[in-house]
């Protein structure tokens, strides 16, 4: 007799959204009916209408909560998807996002697609792609005092609203420009449609391997966005005479930067794996997510 291995999917939801709670209930019911086990965080279970068959896992147990799961399904907006990316990167399990927020570039499906999502998961009708991440180091007095990572961006920002942050930017060990402003965003192509885009950076297709450096409200004649090779090392030095700054990674994790601190950003050693249901081009995704006007387009002649 051939031994079969039980299948398990991990579900992460923004339980503060009523739509996420209802969506989670529908996804759980669909997966269980198909014989696929479902696992959720204990802290979220109190806000979700879950049947007894659902396995509860404590995030603070010290174990990899995704261990044994074939997929991580995330229900929520961009913030919830970035939270899910933290679990996905640590485990290597692919993440499938269902957008319940406003834009949701990381999401692969919308709320109306829940039945399709469950069917694709049951039949394993999805592909997995890897997205570049960033490894981040904070140096003070020549010592590494903090390390972190990001899927979208690592941003060096001013801590005090009333004072500009004076920085010098650097690429591959050579200085580029000194200016005062609100800070600098270092981003991946995945993050080019997030904070870096809001700061005036270019949209970079996810298949392009590159790093971005985008000044934020810089008070300078030359403070243009830069696109470098994926093997470049980007650095932002907070000047000694400037007030303290802060480092944000994906807008979720932060650390204070004292005057004189140096932040180095390079391509991450560990990617985040995303499950994909569609073969639509990134161009179509861009037009749909930003509701870009394309009326009048005729396309190439036959």
C-alpha atoms as a PDB file:
ATOM      1  CA  UNK A   1       0.000   0.000   0.000  1.00  0.00           C
ATOM      2  CA  UNK A   2       1.311   3.439  -0.939  1.00  0.00           C
ATOM      3  CA  UNK A   3       1.647   5.787   1.986  1.00  0.00           C
ATOM      4  CA  UNK A   4       0.117   9.236   1.434  1.00  0.00           C
ATOM      5  CA  UNK A   5       1.312  12.368   3.185  1.00  0.00           C
ATOM      6  CA  UNK A   6      -1.343  14.639   4.637  1.00  0.00           C
ATOM      7  CA  UNK A   7      -1.421  18.100   3.083  1.00  0.00           C
ATOM      8  CA  UNK A   8      -1.478  21.235   5.249  1.00  0.00           C
ATOM      9  CA  UNK A   9      -1.970  24.911   4.394  1.00  0.00           C
ATOM     10  CA  UNK A  10      -1.216  27.768   6.764  1.00  0.00           C
ATOM     11  CA  UNK A  11      -3.707  30.636   6.861  1.00  0.00           C
ATOM     12  CA  UNK A  12      -2.862  34.170   7.985  1.00  0.00           C
ATOM     13  CA  UNK A  13      -5.575  36.842   8.088  1.00  0.00           C
ATOM     14  CA  UNK A  14      -6.098  40.454   9.117  1.00  0.00           C
ATOM     15  CA  UNK A  15      -8.653  39.620  11.802  1.00  0.00           C
ATOM     16  CA  UNK A  16      -9.421  43.309  12.307  1.00  0.00           C
ATOM     17  CA  UNK A  17     -11.192  43.342   8.943  1.00  0.00           C
ATOM     18  CA  UNK A  18     -14.682  41.786   8.861  1.00  0.00           C
ATOM     19  CA  UNK A  19     -14.085  40.907   5.200  1.00  0.00           C
ATOM     20  CA  UNK A  20     -10.956  38.973   6.170  1.00  0.00           C
ATOM     21  CA  UNK A  21     -12.808  37.053   8.866  1.00  0.00           C
ATOM     22  CA  UNK A  22     -15.538  36.005   6.447  1.00  0.00           C
ATOM     23  CA  UNK A  23     -13.000  35.200   3.733  1.00  0.00           C
ATOM     24  CA  UNK A  24     -10.985  33.071   6.159  1.00  0.00           C
ATOM     25  CA  UNK A  25     -14.100  31.122   7.065  1.00  0.00           C
ATOM     26  CA  UNK A  26     -14.831  30.374   3.391  1.00  0.00           C
ATOM     27  CA  UNK A  27     -11.250  29.344   2.631  1.00  0.00           C
ATOM     28  CA  UNK A  28     -11.066  27.062   5.680  1.00  0.00           C
ATOM     29  CA  UNK A  29     -14.347  25.372   4.776  1.00  0.00           C
ATOM     30  CA  UNK A  30     -13.255  24.816   1.183  1.00  0.00           C
ATOM     31  CA  UNK A  31      -9.873  23.356   2.105  1.00  0.00           C
ATOM     32  CA  UNK A  32     -11.237  21.057   4.809  1.00  0.00           C
ATOM     33  CA  UNK A  33     -13.930  19.734   2.454  1.00  0.00           C
ATOM     34  CA  UNK A  34     -11.128  18.782   0.064  1.00  0.00           C
ATOM     35  CA  UNK A  35      -9.204  16.926   2.749  1.00  0.00           C
ATOM     36  CA  UNK A  36      -6.491  19.555   3.218  1.00  0.00           C
ATOM     37  CA  UNK A  37      -5.541  20.432   6.773  1.00  0.00           C
ATOM     38  CA  UNK A  38      -5.528  24.060   7.892  1.00  0.00           C
ATOM     39  CA  UNK A  39      -3.234  25.683  10.449  1.00  0.00           C
ATOM     40  CA  UNK A  40      -3.633  29.158  11.985  1.00  0.00           C
ATOM     41  CA  UNK A  41      -1.980  31.197  14.708  1.00  0.00           C
ATOM     42  CA  UNK A  42      -3.470  30.765  18.165  1.00  0.00           C
ATOM     43  CA  UNK A  43      -3.618  34.544  18.602  1.00  0.00           C
ATOM     44  CA  UNK A  44      -5.814  34.867  15.517  1.00  0.00           C
ATOM     45  CA  UNK A  45      -8.062  31.909  16.258  1.00  0.00           C
ATOM     46  CA  UNK A  46     -10.028  33.807  18.928  1.00  0.00           C
ATOM     47  CA  UNK A  47     -11.312  36.194  16.221  1.00  0.00           C
ATOM     48  CA  UNK A  48     -12.078  33.563  13.591  1.00  0.00           C
ATOM     49  CA  UNK A  49     -15.040  31.152  13.396  1.00  0.00           C
ATOM     50  CA  UNK A  50     -12.975  27.979  13.078  1.00  0.00           C
ATOM     51  CA  UNK A  51     -14.066  24.335  13.286  1.00  0.00           C
ATOM     52  CA  UNK A  52     -12.255  22.002  15.719  1.00  0.00           C
ATOM     53  CA  UNK A  53     -10.345  20.374  12.849  1.00  0.00           C
ATOM     54  CA  UNK A  54      -8.154  23.467  12.411  1.00  0.00           C
ATOM     55  CA  UNK A  55      -4.709  23.169  13.995  1.00  0.00           C
ATOM     56  CA  UNK A  56      -3.593  26.041  16.224  1.00  0.00           C
ATOM     57  CA  UNK A  57       0.069  27.089  16.443  1.00  0.00           C
ATOM     58  CA  UNK A  58       1.645  29.486  18.920  1.00  0.00           C
ATOM     59  CA  UNK A  59       3.853  32.075  17.173  1.00  0.00           C
ATOM     60  CA  UNK A  60       5.891  32.547  20.341  1.00  0.00           C
ATOM     61  CA  UNK A  61       6.779  28.875  20.718  1.00  0.00           C
ATOM     62  CA  UNK A  62      10.136  29.322  19.022  1.00  0.00           C
ATOM     63  CA  UNK A  63       9.346  26.745  16.331  1.00  0.00           C
ATOM     64  CA  UNK A  64       8.804  27.423  12.637  1.00  0.00           C
ATOM     65  CA  UNK A  65       5.030  27.772  12.521  1.00  0.00           C
ATOM     66  CA  UNK A  66       5.009  26.897   8.799  1.00  0.00           C
ATOM     67  CA  UNK A  67       6.951  23.668   9.279  1.00  0.00           C
ATOM     68  CA  UNK A  68       5.137  20.967   7.324  1.00  0.00           C
ATOM     69  CA  UNK A  69       2.911  23.410   5.426  1.00  0.00           C
ATOM     70  CA  UNK A  70       2.984  23.408   1.629  1.00  0.00           C
ATOM     71  CA  UNK A  71       1.585  26.927   1.247  1.00  0.00           C
ATOM     72  CA  UNK A  72       0.889  30.126   3.182  1.00  0.00           C
ATOM     73  CA  UNK A  73      -2.366  31.863   2.259  1.00  0.00           C
ATOM     74  CA  UNK A  74      -2.567  35.489   3.405  1.00  0.00           C
ATOM     75  CA  UNK A  75      -5.860  37.413   3.527  1.00  0.00           C
ATOM     76  CA  UNK A  76      -5.547  41.185   3.924  1.00  0.00           C
ATOM     77  CA  UNK A  77      -3.936  44.340   2.613  1.00  0.00           C
ATOM     78  CA  UNK A  78      -0.310  45.180   1.901  1.00  0.00           C
ATOM     79  CA  UNK A  79       0.609  45.311   5.601  1.00  0.00           C
ATOM     80  CA  UNK A  80      -0.752  41.816   6.231  1.00  0.00           C
ATOM     81  CA  UNK A  81       1.017  40.508   3.140  1.00  0.00           C
ATOM     82  CA  UNK A  82       4.325  41.933   4.369  1.00  0.00           C
ATOM     83  CA  UNK A  83       3.685  40.272   7.717  1.00  0.00           C
ATOM     84  CA  UNK A  84       3.117  37.022   5.867  1.00  0.00           C
ATOM     85  CA  UNK A  85       6.380  37.542   3.980  1.00  0.00           C
ATOM     86  CA  UNK A  86       8.224  37.408   7.301  1.00  0.00           C
ATOM     87  CA  UNK A  87       6.903  33.895   7.902  1.00  0.00           C
ATOM     88  CA  UNK A  88       7.412  32.861   4.264  1.00  0.00           C
ATOM     89  CA  UNK A  89      11.046  33.991   4.111  1.00  0.00           C
ATOM     90  CA  UNK A  90      11.968  32.243   7.354  1.00  0.00           C
ATOM     91  CA  UNK A  91      10.502  28.926   6.209  1.00  0.00           C
ATOM     92  CA  UNK A  92      10.875  28.971   2.427  1.00  0.00           C
ATOM     93  CA  UNK A  93       7.160  28.163   2.075  1.00  0.00           C
ATOM     94  CA  UNK A  94       5.487  29.947  -0.881  1.00  0.00           C
ATOM     95  CA  UNK A  95       3.025  32.724  -0.036  1.00  0.00           C
ATOM     96  CA  UNK A  96      -0.278  33.240  -1.857  1.00  0.00           C
ATOM     97  CA  UNK A  97      -1.855  36.614  -1.151  1.00  0.00           C
ATOM     98  CA  UNK A  98      -5.539  37.487  -1.442  1.00  0.00           C
ATOM     99  CA  UNK A  99      -5.998  41.248  -1.525  1.00  0.00           C
ATOM    100  CA  UNK A 100      -8.602  42.712   0.821  1.00  0.00           C
ATOM    101  CA  UNK A 101      -6.986  46.156   0.864  1.00  0.00           C
ATOM    102  CA  UNK A 102      -6.597  48.992  -1.618  1.00  0.00           C
ATOM    103  CA  UNK A 103      -3.776  48.185  -4.058  1.00  0.00           C
ATOM    104  CA  UNK A 104      -2.146  44.883  -3.087  1.00  0.00           C
ATOM    105  CA  UNK A 105       0.671  44.487  -5.607  1.00  0.00           C
ATOM    106  CA  UNK A 106       1.945  41.454  -3.680  1.00  0.00           C
ATOM    107  CA  UNK A 107      -1.450  39.764  -3.844  1.00  0.00           C
ATOM    108  CA  UNK A 108      -2.281  37.236  -6.529  1.00  0.00           C
ATOM    109  CA  UNK A 109      -6.062  37.228  -6.141  1.00  0.00           C
ATOM    110  CA  UNK A 110      -8.953  39.411  -5.035  1.00  0.00           C
ATOM    111  CA  UNK A 111     -11.742  38.648  -2.577  1.00  0.00           C
ATOM    112  CA  UNK A 112     -14.118  37.610  -5.381  1.00  0.00           C
ATOM    113  CA  UNK A 113     -11.648  34.897  -6.424  1.00  0.00           C
ATOM    114  CA  UNK A 114     -11.805  32.832  -3.217  1.00  0.00           C
ATOM    115  CA  UNK A 115     -13.444  29.800  -4.845  1.00  0.00           C
ATOM    116  CA  UNK A 116     -10.798  29.838  -7.575  1.00  0.00           C
ATOM    117  CA  UNK A 117      -8.025  30.185  -4.988  1.00  0.00           C
ATOM    118  CA  UNK A 118      -9.230  27.134  -3.068  1.00  0.00           C
ATOM    119  CA  UNK A 119      -9.594  25.109  -6.283  1.00  0.00           C
ATOM    120  CA  UNK A 120      -6.075  26.033  -7.457  1.00  0.00           C
ATOM    121  CA  UNK A 121      -4.601  25.123  -4.081  1.00  0.00           C
ATOM    122  CA  UNK A 122      -6.421  21.783  -3.988  1.00  0.00           C
ATOM    123  CA  UNK A 123      -5.245  20.868  -7.509  1.00  0.00           C
ATOM    124  CA  UNK A 124      -1.802  22.436  -6.995  1.00  0.00           C
ATOM    125  CA  UNK A 125      -2.457  24.582 -10.073  1.00  0.00           C
ATOM    126  CA  UNK A 126      -0.042  27.351  -9.261  1.00  0.00           C
ATOM    127  CA  UNK A 127       3.537  28.276  -9.998  1.00  0.00           C
ATOM    128  CA  UNK A 128       6.173  29.603  -7.614  1.00  0.00           C
ATOM    129  CA  UNK A 129       8.528  32.486  -8.329  1.00  0.00           C
ATOM    130  CA  UNK A 130      11.264  33.994  -6.203  1.00  0.00           C
ATOM    131  CA  UNK A 131      11.430  37.684  -5.334  1.00  0.00           C
ATOM    132  CA  UNK A 132      14.631  39.472  -4.448  1.00  0.00           C
ATOM    133  CA  UNK A 133      15.035  40.740  -0.891  1.00  0.00           C
ATOM    134  CA  UNK A 134      17.447  43.135   0.818  1.00  0.00           C
ATOM    135  CA  UNK A 135      19.952  42.437   3.579  1.00  0.00           C
ATOM    136  CA  UNK A 136      20.491  45.494   5.774  1.00  0.00           C
ATOM    137  CA  UNK A 137      23.293  46.361   8.202  1.00  0.00           C
ATOM    138  CA  UNK A 138      23.590  49.319  10.566  1.00  0.00           C
ATOM    139  CA  UNK A 139      27.136  50.377  11.466  1.00  0.00           C
ATOM    140  CA  UNK A 140      28.192  52.726  14.245  1.00  0.00           C
ATOM    141  CA  UNK A 141      31.812  53.416  15.159  1.00  0.00           C
ATOM    142  CA  UNK A 142      32.904  50.771  12.691  1.00  0.00           C
ATOM    143  CA  UNK A 143      30.848  47.994  14.303  1.00  0.00           C
ATOM    144  CA  UNK A 144      27.717  46.246  13.008  1.00  0.00           C
ATOM    145  CA  UNK A 145      25.075  47.013  15.628  1.00  0.00           C
ATOM    146  CA  UNK A 146      21.940  45.826  13.838  1.00  0.00           C
ATOM    147  CA  UNK A 147      20.991  43.543  10.952  1.00  0.00           C
ATOM    148  CA  UNK A 148      17.642  43.224   9.210  1.00  0.00           C
ATOM    149  CA  UNK A 149      16.039  42.438   5.862  1.00  0.00           C
ATOM    150  CA  UNK A 150      13.269  43.734   3.608  1.00  0.00           C
ATOM    151  CA  UNK A 151      11.138  42.536   0.712  1.00  0.00           C
ATOM    152  CA  UNK A 152      10.023  45.993  -0.462  1.00  0.00           C
ATOM    153  CA  UNK A 153      12.397  48.578   0.954  1.00  0.00           C
ATOM    154  CA  UNK A 154      14.740  49.751   3.668  1.00  0.00           C
ATOM    155  CA  UNK A 155      14.260  53.464   4.293  1.00  0.00           C
ATOM    156  CA  UNK A 156      16.490  55.848   6.232  1.00  0.00           C
ATOM    157  CA  UNK A 157      14.273  58.678   7.472  1.00  0.00           C
ATOM    158  CA  UNK A 158      14.387  61.703   9.717  1.00  0.00           C
ATOM    159  CA  UNK A 159      13.096  61.180  13.234  1.00  0.00           C
ATOM    160  CA  UNK A 160      12.067  64.792  13.895  1.00  0.00           C
ATOM    161  CA  UNK A 161       9.506  66.436  11.639  1.00  0.00           C
ATOM    162  CA  UNK A 162      10.955  69.934  12.100  1.00  0.00           C
ATOM    163  CA  UNK A 163      14.544  69.063  11.072  1.00  0.00           C
ATOM    164  CA  UNK A 164      15.996  67.752   7.818  1.00  0.00           C
ATOM    165  CA  UNK A 165      18.179  64.651   7.849  1.00  0.00           C
ATOM    166  CA  UNK A 166      21.612  65.312   6.357  1.00  0.00           C
ATOM    167  CA  UNK A 167      22.994  62.263   4.535  1.00  0.00           C
ATOM    168  CA  UNK A 168      25.634  61.181   2.042  1.00  0.00           C
ATOM    169  CA  UNK A 169      24.652  58.405  -0.368  1.00  0.00           C
ATOM    170  CA  UNK A 170      27.128  55.863  -1.716  1.00  0.00           C
ATOM    171  CA  UNK A 171      27.183  53.130  -4.357  1.00  0.00           C
ATOM    172  CA  UNK A 172      29.858  50.434  -4.401  1.00  0.00           C
ATOM    173  CA  UNK A 173      32.138  52.245  -2.016  1.00  0.00           C
ATOM    174  CA  UNK A 174      32.072  55.581  -3.850  1.00  0.00           C
ATOM    175  CA  UNK A 175      30.140  58.713  -2.755  1.00  0.00           C
ATOM    176  CA  UNK A 176      27.270  59.915  -4.949  1.00  0.00           C
ATOM    177  CA  UNK A 177      25.707  62.960  -3.311  1.00  0.00           C
ATOM    178  CA  UNK A 178      25.200  64.797  -0.043  1.00  0.00           C
ATOM    179  CA  UNK A 179      21.874  66.444   0.702  1.00  0.00           C
ATOM    180  CA  UNK A 180      19.349  67.261   3.378  1.00  0.00           C
ATOM    181  CA  UNK A 181      15.819  65.984   3.181  1.00  0.00           C
ATOM    182  CA  UNK A 182      13.356  63.497   4.624  1.00  0.00           C
ATOM    183  CA  UNK A 183      15.581  60.500   3.907  1.00  0.00           C
ATOM    184  CA  UNK A 184      16.411  57.812   1.339  1.00  0.00           C
ATOM    185  CA  UNK A 185      14.577  54.676   0.191  1.00  0.00           C
ATOM    186  CA  UNK A 186      16.580  51.625  -0.910  1.00  0.00           C
ATOM    187  CA  UNK A 187      14.226  49.234  -2.681  1.00  0.00           C
ATOM    188  CA  UNK A 188      13.886  46.023  -4.663  1.00  0.00           C
ATOM    189  CA  UNK A 189      11.957  45.815  -7.957  1.00  0.00           C
ATOM    190  CA  UNK A 190       9.080  44.377  -5.909  1.00  0.00           C
ATOM    191  CA  UNK A 191       9.187  47.503  -3.743  1.00  0.00           C
ATOM    192  CA  UNK A 192       9.376  49.861  -6.726  1.00  0.00           C
ATOM    193  CA  UNK A 193       5.567  50.158  -6.695  1.00  0.00           C
ATOM    194  CA  UNK A 194       5.442  50.853  -2.943  1.00  0.00           C
ATOM    195  CA  UNK A 195       7.199  53.579  -0.896  1.00  0.00           C
ATOM    196  CA  UNK A 196       9.876  54.129  -3.565  1.00  0.00           C
ATOM    197  CA  UNK A 197       7.137  54.899  -6.098  1.00  0.00           C
ATOM    198  CA  UNK A 198       5.526  57.425  -3.753  1.00  0.00           C
ATOM    199  CA  UNK A 199       8.940  59.087  -3.345  1.00  0.00           C
ATOM    200  CA  UNK A 200       9.264  59.545  -7.114  1.00  0.00           C
ATOM    201  CA  UNK A 201      11.137  56.386  -8.064  1.00  0.00           C
ATOM    202  CA  UNK A 202      10.631  54.406 -11.273  1.00  0.00           C
ATOM    203  CA  UNK A 203       8.496  51.307 -11.666  1.00  0.00           C
ATOM    204  CA  UNK A 204      10.782  48.320 -12.240  1.00  0.00           C
ATOM    205  CA  UNK A 205       9.444  45.053 -13.612  1.00  0.00           C
ATOM    206  CA  UNK A 206       9.852  42.215 -11.058  1.00  0.00           C
ATOM    207  CA  UNK A 207      11.894  40.123 -13.494  1.00  0.00           C
ATOM    208  CA  UNK A 208      14.570  42.830 -13.612  1.00  0.00           C
ATOM    209  CA  UNK A 209      17.391  42.214 -11.154  1.00  0.00           C
ATOM    210  CA  UNK A 210      18.330  45.610  -9.762  1.00  0.00           C
ATOM    211  CA  UNK A 211      18.496  47.774  -6.655  1.00  0.00           C
ATOM    212  CA  UNK A 212      16.919  51.214  -6.325  1.00  0.00           C
ATOM    213  CA  UNK A 213      18.005  54.266  -4.338  1.00  0.00           C
ATOM    214  CA  UNK A 214      15.380  57.017  -4.137  1.00  0.00           C
ATOM    215  CA  UNK A 215      15.821  60.275  -2.161  1.00  0.00           C
ATOM    216  CA  UNK A 216      12.780  61.473  -0.180  1.00  0.00           C
ATOM    217  CA  UNK A 217      11.982  65.187  -0.567  1.00  0.00           C
ATOM    218  CA  UNK A 218      15.655  66.054  -0.994  1.00  0.00           C
ATOM    219  CA  UNK A 219      16.702  69.708  -0.833  1.00  0.00           C
ATOM    220  CA  UNK A 220      19.316  69.421  -3.593  1.00  0.00           C
ATOM    221  CA  UNK A 221      19.942  70.157  -7.261  1.00  0.00           C
ATOM    222  CA  UNK A 222      20.853  66.528  -7.980  1.00  0.00           C
ATOM    223  CA  UNK A 223      18.813  64.024  -6.028  1.00  0.00           C
ATOM    224  CA  UNK A 224      17.464  61.729  -8.713  1.00  0.00           C
ATOM    225  CA  UNK A 225      16.469  58.085  -8.267  1.00  0.00           C
ATOM    226  CA  UNK A 226      19.220  55.609  -9.121  1.00  0.00           C
ATOM    227  CA  UNK A 227      18.927  52.062 -10.471  1.00  0.00           C
ATOM    228  CA  UNK A 228      22.010  49.918  -9.877  1.00  0.00           C
ATOM    229  CA  UNK A 229      23.109  46.362 -10.535  1.00  0.00           C
ATOM    230  CA  UNK A 230      21.796  43.677  -8.157  1.00  0.00           C
ATOM    231  CA  UNK A 231      25.358  43.109  -6.931  1.00  0.00           C
ATOM    232  CA  UNK A 232      25.874  46.720  -5.882  1.00  0.00           C
ATOM    233  CA  UNK A 233      26.183  47.759  -2.259  1.00  0.00           C
ATOM    234  CA  UNK A 234      24.153  50.858  -1.395  1.00  0.00           C
ATOM    235  CA  UNK A 235      25.022  52.934   1.641  1.00  0.00           C
ATOM    236  CA  UNK A 236      23.488  55.910   3.419  1.00  0.00           C
ATOM    237  CA  UNK A 237      25.602  57.767   5.966  1.00  0.00           C
ATOM    238  CA  UNK A 238      23.831  59.950   8.533  1.00  0.00           C
ATOM    239  CA  UNK A 239      26.041  63.009   9.016  1.00  0.00           C
ATOM    240  CA  UNK A 240      27.521  63.650  12.501  1.00  0.00           C
ATOM    241  CA  UNK A 241      25.950  67.095  12.893  1.00  0.00           C
ATOM    242  CA  UNK A 242      22.428  65.978  11.977  1.00  0.00           C
ATOM    243  CA  UNK A 243      19.644  64.878  14.369  1.00  0.00           C
ATOM    244  CA  UNK A 244      19.007  61.161  14.835  1.00  0.00           C
ATOM    245  CA  UNK A 245      17.333  59.251  12.067  1.00  0.00           C
ATOM    246  CA  UNK A 246      15.410  55.978  11.922  1.00  0.00           C
ATOM    247  CA  UNK A 247      15.673  52.888   9.756  1.00  0.00           C
ATOM    248  CA  UNK A 248      12.431  51.252   8.638  1.00  0.00           C
ATOM    249  CA  UNK A 249      12.338  47.826   6.973  1.00  0.00           C
ATOM    250  CA  UNK A 250       9.122  47.260   5.002  1.00  0.00           C
ATOM    251  CA  UNK A 251       7.444  49.794   7.310  1.00  0.00           C
ATOM    252  CA  UNK A 252       7.218  47.066   9.964  1.00  0.00           C
ATOM    253  CA  UNK A 253      10.532  46.931  11.813  1.00  0.00           C
ATOM    254  CA  UNK A 254      12.432  49.997  12.963  1.00  0.00           C
ATOM    255  CA  UNK A 255      15.634  50.946  14.753  1.00  0.00           C
ATOM    256  CA  UNK A 256      17.014  54.336  15.756  1.00  0.00           C
ATOM    257  CA  UNK A 257      20.008  55.681  13.851  1.00  0.00           C
ATOM    258  CA  UNK A 258      22.313  57.940  15.876  1.00  0.00           C
ATOM    259  CA  UNK A 259      24.207  60.754  14.185  1.00  0.00           C
ATOM    260  CA  UNK A 260      27.124  59.263  12.268  1.00  0.00           C
ATOM    261  CA  UNK A 261      25.400  55.913  11.657  1.00  0.00           C
ATOM    262  CA  UNK A 262      25.936  54.112   8.373  1.00  0.00           C
ATOM    263  CA  UNK A 263      23.334  51.866   6.716  1.00  0.00           C
ATOM    264  CA  UNK A 264      24.477  49.342   4.118  1.00  0.00           C
ATOM    265  CA  UNK A 265      21.992  47.609   1.819  1.00  0.00           C
ATOM    266  CA  UNK A 266      22.737  44.713  -0.534  1.00  0.00           C
ATOM    267  CA  UNK A 267      20.896  41.940  -2.300  1.00  0.00           C
ATOM    268  CA  UNK A 268      19.406  39.539   0.228  1.00  0.00           C
ATOM    269  CA  UNK A 269      20.774  36.030   0.544  1.00  0.00           C
ATOM    270  CA  UNK A 270      17.276  34.571   1.076  1.00  0.00           C
ATOM    271  CA  UNK A 271      14.434  35.351  -1.361  1.00  0.00           C
ATOM    272  CA  UNK A 272      10.700  35.314  -0.683  1.00  0.00           C
ATOM    273  CA  UNK A 273       8.761  32.744  -2.703  1.00  0.00           C
ATOM    274  CA  UNK A 274       5.387  33.807  -4.118  1.00  0.00           C
ATOM    275  CA  UNK A 275       2.710  31.472  -5.475  1.00  0.00           C
ATOM    276  CA  UNK A 276       1.252  32.664  -8.786  1.00  0.00           C
ATOM    277  CA  UNK A 277      -2.139  31.722 -10.243  1.00  0.00           C
ATOM    278  CA  UNK A 278      -2.086  33.887 -13.363  1.00  0.00           C
ATOM    279  CA  UNK A 279       0.200  34.324 -16.353  1.00  0.00           C
ATOM    280  CA  UNK A 280      -0.917  37.914 -16.963  1.00  0.00           C
ATOM    281  CA  UNK A 281       1.917  40.308 -17.745  1.00  0.00           C
ATOM    282  CA  UNK A 282       3.149  42.777 -15.148  1.00  0.00           C
ATOM    283  CA  UNK A 283       2.043  45.522 -17.541  1.00  0.00           C
ATOM    284  CA  UNK A 284      -1.578  44.404 -17.194  1.00  0.00           C
ATOM    285  CA  UNK A 285      -1.187  44.145 -13.412  1.00  0.00           C
ATOM    286  CA  UNK A 286       0.231  47.676 -13.307  1.00  0.00           C
ATOM    287  CA  UNK A 287      -2.655  49.081 -15.348  1.00  0.00           C
ATOM    288  CA  UNK A 288      -5.243  47.272 -13.228  1.00  0.00           C
ATOM    289  CA  UNK A 289      -3.784  48.112  -9.808  1.00  0.00           C
ATOM    290  CA  UNK A 290      -3.270  51.808 -10.557  1.00  0.00           C
ATOM    291  CA  UNK A 291      -6.391  52.098 -12.759  1.00  0.00           C
ATOM    292  CA  UNK A 292      -4.259  53.650 -15.511  1.00  0.00           C
ATOM    293  CA  UNK A 293      -6.118  55.214 -18.478  1.00  0.00           C
ATOM    294  CA  UNK A 294      -5.531  53.159 -21.620  1.00  0.00           C
ATOM    295  CA  UNK A 295      -8.593  54.141 -23.685  1.00  0.00           C
ATOM    296  CA  UNK A 296      -7.666  54.650 -27.340  1.00  0.00           C
ATOM    297  CA  UNK A 297      -5.005  51.929 -27.432  1.00  0.00           C
ATOM    298  CA  UNK A 298      -5.167  49.919 -30.645  1.00  0.00           C
ATOM    299  CA  UNK A 299      -2.137  47.686 -30.310  1.00  0.00           C
ATOM    300  CA  UNK A 300       0.342  46.620 -32.958  1.00  0.00           C
ATOM    301  CA  UNK A 301      -1.068  46.117 -36.477  1.00  0.00           C
ATOM    302  CA  UNK A 302      -1.608  42.527 -37.612  1.00  0.00           C
END
